[in-house]
N, C-alpha and C. Protein backbone atom coordinates (compact mmCIF):
# COMPACT_ATOMS: atom_id res chain seq x y z
N UNK A 1 0.84 -1.18 0.00
CA UNK A 1 0.00 0.00 0.00
C UNK A 1 0.89 1.25 0.00
N UNK A 2 0.57 2.15 -0.89
CA UNK A 2 1.35 3.38 -0.96
C UNK A 2 1.05 4.25 0.25
N UNK A 3 2.09 4.88 0.74
CA UNK A 3 1.87 5.76 1.87
C UNK A 3 1.32 7.10 1.38
N UNK A 4 0.49 7.70 2.20
CA UNK A 4 -0.04 9.02 1.88
C UNK A 4 1.05 10.06 2.01
N UNK A 5 1.07 10.99 1.11
CA UNK A 5 2.03 12.07 1.20
C UNK A 5 1.49 13.15 2.12
N UNK A 6 2.37 13.99 2.58
CA UNK A 6 1.91 15.01 3.52
C UNK A 6 0.93 16.01 2.94
N UNK A 7 0.93 16.35 1.62
CA UNK A 7 -0.13 17.25 1.14
C UNK A 7 -1.52 16.64 1.33
N UNK A 8 -1.65 15.35 1.09
CA UNK A 8 -2.96 14.71 1.25
C UNK A 8 -3.37 14.67 2.71
N UNK A 9 -2.44 14.39 3.59
CA UNK A 9 -2.73 14.32 5.02
C UNK A 9 -3.11 15.70 5.55
N UNK A 10 -2.38 16.73 5.15
CA UNK A 10 -2.67 18.09 5.59
C UNK A 10 -4.04 18.52 5.08
N UNK A 11 -4.35 18.20 3.83
CA UNK A 11 -5.65 18.53 3.27
C UNK A 11 -6.77 17.83 4.03
N UNK A 12 -6.61 16.55 4.29
CA UNK A 12 -7.62 15.79 5.01
C UNK A 12 -7.82 16.38 6.41
N UNK A 13 -6.73 16.70 7.09
CA UNK A 13 -6.84 17.32 8.42
C UNK A 13 -7.56 18.66 8.35
N UNK A 14 -7.25 19.47 7.34
CA UNK A 14 -7.88 20.77 7.15
C UNK A 14 -9.39 20.62 7.05
N UNK A 15 -9.85 19.74 6.17
CA UNK A 15 -11.29 19.58 5.97
C UNK A 15 -11.98 18.95 7.17
N UNK A 16 -11.35 17.97 7.78
CA UNK A 16 -11.98 17.35 8.95
C UNK A 16 -12.07 18.33 10.11
N UNK A 17 -11.04 19.14 10.30
CA UNK A 17 -11.08 20.16 11.36
C UNK A 17 -12.20 21.16 11.10
N UNK A 18 -12.31 21.61 9.86
CA UNK A 18 -13.37 22.55 9.50
C UNK A 18 -14.75 21.91 9.66
N UNK A 19 -14.85 20.66 9.26
CA UNK A 19 -16.13 19.96 9.36
C UNK A 19 -16.56 19.82 10.82
N UNK A 20 -15.62 19.48 11.70
CA UNK A 20 -15.98 19.34 13.11
C UNK A 20 -16.27 20.68 13.77
N UNK A 21 -15.70 21.75 13.25
CA UNK A 21 -16.04 23.08 13.76
C UNK A 21 -17.41 23.53 13.26
N UNK A 22 -17.70 23.29 11.98
CA UNK A 22 -18.95 23.77 11.38
C UNK A 22 -20.12 22.80 11.56
N UNK A 23 -19.83 21.51 11.71
CA UNK A 23 -20.84 20.46 11.89
C UNK A 23 -21.97 20.55 10.86
N UNK A 24 -21.67 20.37 9.56
CA UNK A 24 -22.71 20.51 8.55
C UNK A 24 -23.82 19.46 8.69
N UNK A 25 -23.53 18.33 9.30
CA UNK A 25 -24.54 17.29 9.47
C UNK A 25 -25.62 17.72 10.46
N UNK A 26 -25.34 18.70 11.29
CA UNK A 26 -26.34 19.16 12.26
C UNK A 26 -27.22 20.28 11.70
N UNK A 27 -26.85 20.80 10.55
CA UNK A 27 -27.63 21.87 9.93
C UNK A 27 -28.72 21.24 9.07
N UNK A 28 -29.86 20.98 9.65
CA UNK A 28 -30.92 20.28 8.93
C UNK A 28 -31.86 21.28 8.25
N UNK A 29 -31.24 22.21 7.52
CA UNK A 29 -32.00 23.16 6.72
C UNK A 29 -31.19 23.46 5.47
N UNK A 30 -31.87 23.80 4.38
CA UNK A 30 -31.15 24.04 3.12
C UNK A 30 -30.35 25.35 3.16
N UNK A 31 -29.23 25.34 2.45
CA UNK A 31 -28.39 26.52 2.29
C UNK A 31 -28.35 26.85 0.80
N UNK A 32 -28.38 28.12 0.48
CA UNK A 32 -28.38 28.56 -0.93
C UNK A 32 -29.54 27.90 -1.66
N UNK A 33 -29.26 27.31 -2.80
CA UNK A 33 -30.30 26.66 -3.60
C UNK A 33 -30.28 25.14 -3.48
N UNK A 34 -29.64 24.60 -2.46
CA UNK A 34 -29.56 23.15 -2.40
C UNK A 34 -30.90 22.50 -2.08
N UNK A 35 -31.91 23.28 -1.72
CA UNK A 35 -33.25 22.73 -1.52
C UNK A 35 -33.79 22.11 -2.81
N UNK A 36 -33.35 22.64 -3.97
CA UNK A 36 -33.81 22.10 -5.25
C UNK A 36 -33.33 20.66 -5.41
N UNK A 37 -32.07 20.43 -5.14
CA UNK A 37 -31.50 19.10 -5.30
C UNK A 37 -31.96 18.18 -4.18
N UNK A 38 -32.16 18.73 -2.99
CA UNK A 38 -32.68 17.95 -1.87
C UNK A 38 -34.08 17.44 -2.19
N UNK A 39 -34.91 18.32 -2.73
CA UNK A 39 -36.27 17.95 -3.10
C UNK A 39 -36.25 16.81 -4.12
N UNK A 40 -35.36 16.90 -5.10
CA UNK A 40 -35.29 15.87 -6.14
C UNK A 40 -34.84 14.52 -5.58
N UNK A 41 -33.91 14.54 -4.62
CA UNK A 41 -33.47 13.29 -3.99
C UNK A 41 -34.62 12.70 -3.18
N UNK A 42 -35.31 13.54 -2.45
CA UNK A 42 -36.44 13.06 -1.65
C UNK A 42 -37.52 12.46 -2.55
N UNK A 43 -37.76 13.08 -3.70
CA UNK A 43 -38.75 12.55 -4.65
C UNK A 43 -38.32 11.18 -5.16
N UNK A 44 -37.05 11.02 -5.47
CA UNK A 44 -36.54 9.74 -5.94
C UNK A 44 -36.71 8.66 -4.87
N UNK A 45 -36.39 8.99 -3.62
CA UNK A 45 -36.50 8.01 -2.55
C UNK A 45 -37.95 7.64 -2.24
N UNK A 46 -38.85 8.62 -2.30
CA UNK A 46 -40.24 8.36 -1.96
C UNK A 46 -41.05 7.78 -3.12
N UNK A 47 -40.83 8.29 -4.32
CA UNK A 47 -41.65 7.87 -5.47
C UNK A 47 -40.95 6.88 -6.39
N UNK A 48 -39.63 6.76 -6.27
CA UNK A 48 -38.89 5.82 -7.10
C UNK A 48 -38.63 6.29 -8.52
N UNK A 49 -38.81 7.57 -8.77
CA UNK A 49 -38.54 8.10 -10.11
C UNK A 49 -37.80 9.43 -9.97
N UNK A 50 -37.06 9.75 -11.02
CA UNK A 50 -36.32 11.01 -11.03
C UNK A 50 -37.22 12.09 -11.62
N UNK A 51 -37.36 13.15 -10.87
CA UNK A 51 -38.12 14.30 -11.34
C UNK A 51 -37.23 15.52 -11.24
N UNK A 52 -36.95 16.10 -12.37
CA UNK A 52 -36.04 17.25 -12.41
C UNK A 52 -36.80 18.54 -12.20
N UNK A 53 -36.22 19.39 -11.39
CA UNK A 53 -36.79 20.70 -11.15
C UNK A 53 -36.31 21.67 -12.22
N UNK A 54 -37.15 22.61 -12.57
CA UNK A 54 -36.74 23.62 -13.54
C UNK A 54 -35.67 24.53 -12.97
N UNK A 55 -35.59 24.59 -11.65
CA UNK A 55 -34.60 25.43 -10.99
C UNK A 55 -33.21 24.84 -11.05
N UNK A 56 -33.12 23.54 -11.16
CA UNK A 56 -31.83 22.86 -11.04
C UNK A 56 -30.95 23.03 -12.26
N UNK A 57 -29.68 22.75 -12.04
CA UNK A 57 -28.69 22.81 -13.12
C UNK A 57 -28.78 21.54 -13.96
N UNK A 58 -28.11 21.55 -15.08
CA UNK A 58 -28.14 20.39 -15.97
C UNK A 58 -27.43 19.18 -15.38
N UNK A 59 -26.65 19.39 -14.35
CA UNK A 59 -25.93 18.29 -13.72
C UNK A 59 -26.72 17.64 -12.59
N UNK A 60 -27.99 17.97 -12.46
CA UNK A 60 -28.72 17.50 -11.30
C UNK A 60 -29.02 16.01 -11.29
N UNK A 61 -29.00 15.33 -12.43
CA UNK A 61 -29.26 13.89 -12.43
C UNK A 61 -28.16 13.16 -11.65
N UNK A 62 -26.91 13.48 -11.91
CA UNK A 62 -25.80 12.87 -11.17
C UNK A 62 -25.89 13.25 -9.70
N UNK A 63 -26.23 14.49 -9.42
CA UNK A 63 -26.36 14.96 -8.04
C UNK A 63 -27.47 14.20 -7.31
N UNK A 64 -28.58 13.96 -7.97
CA UNK A 64 -29.69 13.23 -7.37
C UNK A 64 -29.27 11.81 -7.03
N UNK A 65 -28.61 11.14 -7.97
CA UNK A 65 -28.17 9.77 -7.73
C UNK A 65 -27.11 9.71 -6.63
N UNK A 66 -26.20 10.67 -6.62
CA UNK A 66 -25.17 10.75 -5.58
C UNK A 66 -25.84 10.94 -4.21
N UNK A 67 -26.79 11.84 -4.13
CA UNK A 67 -27.48 12.08 -2.88
C UNK A 67 -28.29 10.88 -2.42
N UNK A 68 -28.94 10.19 -3.35
CA UNK A 68 -29.71 9.00 -2.99
C UNK A 68 -28.80 7.92 -2.43
N UNK A 69 -27.63 7.76 -3.02
CA UNK A 69 -26.67 6.78 -2.51
C UNK A 69 -26.29 7.09 -1.06
N UNK A 70 -25.99 8.35 -0.77
CA UNK A 70 -25.57 8.73 0.57
C UNK A 70 -26.71 8.64 1.58
N UNK A 71 -27.94 8.94 1.14
CA UNK A 71 -29.05 8.82 2.09
C UNK A 71 -29.40 7.36 2.35
N UNK A 72 -29.10 6.48 1.42
CA UNK A 72 -29.27 5.05 1.67
C UNK A 72 -28.26 4.58 2.72
N UNK A 73 -27.06 5.15 2.70
CA UNK A 73 -26.02 4.76 3.64
C UNK A 73 -26.24 5.40 5.01
N UNK A 74 -26.48 6.72 5.04
CA UNK A 74 -26.54 7.47 6.30
C UNK A 74 -27.95 7.76 6.79
N UNK A 75 -28.94 7.48 5.98
CA UNK A 75 -30.31 7.83 6.34
C UNK A 75 -30.68 9.20 5.79
N UNK A 76 -31.99 9.46 5.69
CA UNK A 76 -32.44 10.72 5.10
C UNK A 76 -32.22 11.89 6.07
N UNK A 77 -31.47 12.85 5.63
CA UNK A 77 -31.35 14.14 6.31
C UNK A 77 -30.57 15.07 5.40
N UNK A 78 -30.76 16.34 5.60
CA UNK A 78 -29.97 17.30 4.84
C UNK A 78 -28.50 17.20 5.23
N UNK A 79 -28.25 16.82 6.48
CA UNK A 79 -26.88 16.65 6.94
C UNK A 79 -26.14 15.57 6.17
N UNK A 80 -26.80 14.44 5.90
CA UNK A 80 -26.13 13.38 5.14
C UNK A 80 -25.86 13.82 3.71
N UNK A 81 -26.74 14.64 3.14
CA UNK A 81 -26.49 15.16 1.80
C UNK A 81 -25.32 16.14 1.79
N UNK A 82 -25.20 16.92 2.85
CA UNK A 82 -24.08 17.86 2.95
C UNK A 82 -22.76 17.12 3.17
N UNK A 83 -22.80 16.01 3.89
CA UNK A 83 -21.60 15.19 4.05
C UNK A 83 -21.16 14.64 2.70
N UNK A 84 -22.11 14.29 1.84
CA UNK A 84 -21.76 13.77 0.52
C UNK A 84 -20.97 14.79 -0.29
N UNK A 85 -21.34 16.06 -0.16
CA UNK A 85 -20.60 17.11 -0.87
C UNK A 85 -19.24 17.33 -0.24
N UNK A 86 -19.15 17.22 1.07
CA UNK A 86 -17.85 17.34 1.74
C UNK A 86 -16.90 16.25 1.27
N UNK A 87 -17.40 15.04 1.11
CA UNK A 87 -16.58 13.94 0.58
C UNK A 87 -16.13 14.26 -0.85
N UNK A 88 -17.03 14.83 -1.65
CA UNK A 88 -16.66 15.25 -3.00
C UNK A 88 -15.57 16.31 -2.98
N UNK A 89 -15.67 17.24 -2.05
CA UNK A 89 -14.67 18.32 -1.95
C UNK A 89 -13.30 17.75 -1.61
N UNK A 90 -13.25 16.83 -0.67
CA UNK A 90 -11.98 16.20 -0.32
C UNK A 90 -11.44 15.40 -1.50
N UNK A 91 -12.33 14.68 -2.18
CA UNK A 91 -11.92 13.92 -3.36
C UNK A 91 -11.40 14.82 -4.47
N UNK A 92 -12.07 15.94 -4.70
CA UNK A 92 -11.63 16.88 -5.73
C UNK A 92 -10.24 17.42 -5.45
N UNK A 93 -10.01 17.78 -4.20
CA UNK A 93 -8.68 18.29 -3.83
C UNK A 93 -7.63 17.18 -3.95
N UNK A 94 -8.01 15.97 -3.59
CA UNK A 94 -7.08 14.84 -3.71
C UNK A 94 -6.70 14.60 -5.18
N UNK A 95 -7.68 14.66 -6.07
CA UNK A 95 -7.37 14.43 -7.48
C UNK A 95 -6.60 15.60 -8.10
N UNK A 96 -6.80 16.81 -7.59
CA UNK A 96 -5.94 17.91 -8.03
C UNK A 96 -4.50 17.63 -7.64
N UNK A 97 -4.29 17.16 -6.42
CA UNK A 97 -2.95 16.80 -5.96
C UNK A 97 -2.38 15.69 -6.85
N UNK A 98 -3.20 14.72 -7.21
CA UNK A 98 -2.74 13.61 -8.06
C UNK A 98 -2.35 14.09 -9.45
N UNK A 99 -3.11 15.03 -9.99
CA UNK A 99 -2.77 15.59 -11.30
C UNK A 99 -1.43 16.32 -11.23
N UNK A 100 -1.25 17.13 -10.19
CA UNK A 100 0.00 17.86 -10.04
C UNK A 100 1.18 16.91 -9.83
N UNK A 101 0.93 15.80 -9.16
CA UNK A 101 1.98 14.80 -8.97
C UNK A 101 2.37 14.17 -10.30
N UNK A 102 1.38 13.90 -11.16
CA UNK A 102 1.69 13.37 -12.50
C UNK A 102 2.54 14.34 -13.30
N UNK A 103 2.37 15.62 -13.04
CA UNK A 103 3.12 16.66 -13.74
C UNK A 103 4.48 16.93 -13.08
N UNK A 104 4.84 16.15 -12.08
CA UNK A 104 6.11 16.27 -11.36
C UNK A 104 6.28 17.63 -10.69
N UNK A 105 5.19 18.16 -10.17
CA UNK A 105 5.25 19.41 -9.41
C UNK A 105 5.79 19.07 -8.01
N UNK A 106 6.73 19.84 -7.48
CA UNK A 106 7.26 19.56 -6.14
C UNK A 106 6.16 19.56 -5.08
N UNK A 107 6.36 18.79 -4.03
CA UNK A 107 5.31 18.59 -3.04
C UNK A 107 4.89 19.89 -2.35
N UNK A 108 5.82 20.80 -2.10
CA UNK A 108 5.43 22.05 -1.43
C UNK A 108 4.54 22.90 -2.32
N UNK A 109 4.76 22.87 -3.65
CA UNK A 109 3.88 23.60 -4.56
C UNK A 109 2.53 22.90 -4.71
N UNK A 110 2.55 21.57 -4.68
CA UNK A 110 1.29 20.82 -4.72
C UNK A 110 0.45 21.16 -3.49
N UNK A 111 1.09 21.17 -2.34
CA UNK A 111 0.37 21.49 -1.11
C UNK A 111 -0.22 22.90 -1.19
N UNK A 112 0.56 23.86 -1.63
CA UNK A 112 0.07 25.23 -1.74
C UNK A 112 -1.11 25.30 -2.71
N UNK A 113 -0.99 24.65 -3.86
CA UNK A 113 -2.05 24.69 -4.87
C UNK A 113 -3.33 24.04 -4.35
N UNK A 114 -3.20 22.89 -3.72
CA UNK A 114 -4.37 22.18 -3.21
C UNK A 114 -5.02 22.97 -2.07
N UNK A 115 -4.22 23.55 -1.21
CA UNK A 115 -4.79 24.36 -0.13
C UNK A 115 -5.44 25.63 -0.67
N UNK A 116 -4.91 26.18 -1.77
CA UNK A 116 -5.56 27.34 -2.39
C UNK A 116 -6.94 26.97 -2.92
N UNK A 117 -7.06 25.77 -3.48
CA UNK A 117 -8.38 25.32 -3.91
C UNK A 117 -9.28 25.09 -2.70
N UNK A 118 -8.80 24.34 -1.72
CA UNK A 118 -9.63 23.97 -0.57
C UNK A 118 -10.06 25.19 0.24
N UNK A 119 -9.20 26.19 0.33
CA UNK A 119 -9.51 27.39 1.12
C UNK A 119 -10.17 28.49 0.29
N UNK A 120 -10.33 28.25 -1.01
CA UNK A 120 -11.02 29.23 -1.83
C UNK A 120 -12.42 29.46 -1.25
N UNK A 121 -12.83 30.69 -1.03
CA UNK A 121 -14.11 30.93 -0.37
C UNK A 121 -15.31 30.27 -1.06
N UNK A 122 -15.32 30.25 -2.37
CA UNK A 122 -16.44 29.64 -3.08
C UNK A 122 -16.42 28.13 -2.87
N UNK A 123 -15.28 27.50 -3.14
CA UNK A 123 -15.15 26.05 -2.98
C UNK A 123 -15.40 25.64 -1.55
N UNK A 124 -14.82 26.36 -0.61
CA UNK A 124 -14.96 26.02 0.81
C UNK A 124 -16.41 26.11 1.26
N UNK A 125 -17.06 27.22 0.97
CA UNK A 125 -18.45 27.40 1.41
C UNK A 125 -19.38 26.39 0.76
N UNK A 126 -19.20 26.14 -0.52
CA UNK A 126 -20.08 25.19 -1.21
C UNK A 126 -19.78 23.74 -0.82
N UNK A 127 -18.64 23.49 -0.17
CA UNK A 127 -18.33 22.14 0.31
C UNK A 127 -19.28 21.70 1.41
N UNK A 128 -19.95 22.64 2.04
CA UNK A 128 -20.84 22.33 3.16
C UNK A 128 -22.31 22.50 2.79
N UNK A 129 -22.60 22.46 1.49
CA UNK A 129 -23.98 22.52 1.01
C UNK A 129 -24.23 21.27 0.17
N UNK A 130 -25.40 21.19 -0.43
CA UNK A 130 -25.70 20.10 -1.36
C UNK A 130 -25.89 20.66 -2.77
N UNK A 131 -25.01 21.56 -3.15
CA UNK A 131 -25.04 22.15 -4.48
C UNK A 131 -24.21 21.29 -5.45
N UNK A 132 -24.36 21.52 -6.74
CA UNK A 132 -23.68 20.70 -7.74
C UNK A 132 -22.27 21.14 -8.06
N UNK A 133 -21.87 22.34 -7.67
CA UNK A 133 -20.60 22.91 -8.10
C UNK A 133 -19.39 22.07 -7.68
N UNK A 134 -19.30 21.73 -6.40
CA UNK A 134 -18.15 20.99 -5.89
C UNK A 134 -18.10 19.56 -6.43
N UNK A 135 -19.21 18.80 -6.40
CA UNK A 135 -19.14 17.46 -7.00
C UNK A 135 -18.80 17.48 -8.49
N UNK A 136 -19.29 18.49 -9.22
CA UNK A 136 -18.96 18.59 -10.63
C UNK A 136 -17.46 18.81 -10.82
N UNK A 137 -16.88 19.71 -10.04
CA UNK A 137 -15.44 19.95 -10.14
C UNK A 137 -14.65 18.71 -9.75
N UNK A 138 -15.11 18.01 -8.72
CA UNK A 138 -14.43 16.78 -8.30
C UNK A 138 -14.46 15.74 -9.42
N UNK A 139 -15.61 15.58 -10.08
CA UNK A 139 -15.70 14.63 -11.19
C UNK A 139 -14.84 15.06 -12.37
N UNK A 140 -14.77 16.38 -12.61
CA UNK A 140 -13.91 16.88 -13.69
C UNK A 140 -12.44 16.60 -13.39
N UNK A 141 -12.03 16.82 -12.14
CA UNK A 141 -10.64 16.54 -11.75
C UNK A 141 -10.35 15.04 -11.81
N UNK A 142 -11.30 14.22 -11.40
CA UNK A 142 -11.12 12.77 -11.49
C UNK A 142 -10.96 12.34 -12.94
N UNK A 143 -11.83 12.82 -13.81
CA UNK A 143 -11.73 12.43 -15.22
C UNK A 143 -10.45 12.96 -15.86
N UNK A 144 -10.02 14.15 -15.48
CA UNK A 144 -8.76 14.69 -15.99
C UNK A 144 -7.58 13.85 -15.53
N UNK A 145 -7.60 13.46 -14.26
CA UNK A 145 -6.55 12.60 -13.73
C UNK A 145 -6.51 11.27 -14.48
N UNK A 146 -7.66 10.65 -14.66
CA UNK A 146 -7.70 9.35 -15.36
C UNK A 146 -7.25 9.49 -16.81
N UNK A 147 -7.63 10.59 -17.46
CA UNK A 147 -7.19 10.82 -18.84
C UNK A 147 -5.67 10.97 -18.90
N UNK A 148 -5.12 11.77 -17.99
CA UNK A 148 -3.68 11.98 -17.99
C UNK A 148 -2.93 10.68 -17.67
N UNK A 149 -3.48 9.91 -16.76
CA UNK A 149 -2.86 8.63 -16.39
C UNK A 149 -2.90 7.67 -17.59
N UNK A 150 -4.01 7.63 -18.31
CA UNK A 150 -4.12 6.77 -19.48
C UNK A 150 -3.22 7.25 -20.60
N UNK A 151 -3.10 8.56 -20.78
CA UNK A 151 -2.20 9.12 -21.78
C UNK A 151 -0.76 8.73 -21.49
N UNK A 152 -0.39 8.81 -20.22
CA UNK A 152 0.97 8.44 -19.83
C UNK A 152 1.23 6.97 -20.06
N UNK A 153 0.24 6.13 -19.76
CA UNK A 153 0.38 4.69 -19.98
C UNK A 153 0.48 4.39 -21.47
N UNK A 154 -0.33 5.07 -22.27
CA UNK A 154 -0.29 4.86 -23.71
C UNK A 154 1.03 5.34 -24.30
N UNK A 155 1.55 6.46 -23.78
CA UNK A 155 2.82 6.99 -24.30
C UNK A 155 3.98 6.06 -23.97
N UNK A 156 3.88 5.40 -22.81
CA UNK A 156 4.97 4.48 -22.46
C UNK A 156 4.95 3.20 -23.29
N UNK A 157 3.84 2.90 -23.92
CA UNK A 157 3.75 1.71 -24.77
C UNK A 157 4.37 1.93 -26.15
N UNK A 158 4.43 3.19 -26.57
CA UNK A 158 4.96 3.47 -27.91
C UNK A 158 6.45 3.71 -27.89
């Protein structure tokens, strides 16, 4: 098993410390527009079908499925949906670190870059809601990492 590098450990500590200070799981009320996505998840769980709100973004189908998965694991609450976004935020920062590592960026610059993302006011604040922005960025970073990893593997074959 590969050992975690200190940028990943510092990032994980940063988010866990913030999460325990803010306690998003105890905030059982919607923040910003996450009520739209919360409503859609609740509809899926109660009625068994996906119903898209006109208010929601085009990425809401993935968000609804992601939220339904987490509410199956943790039970229905806005707090469990907010935890799902927090996990996405940590994952997004981790995959940014992984991309920078593939580019042979020194660890101190990787740490600075990842902390700049994690501490960005928009990213940080939306990490504690059930909005689509952070999970979308996390999926984009994951797909970019996988693409770069596959490109590197393909280049080594030629």
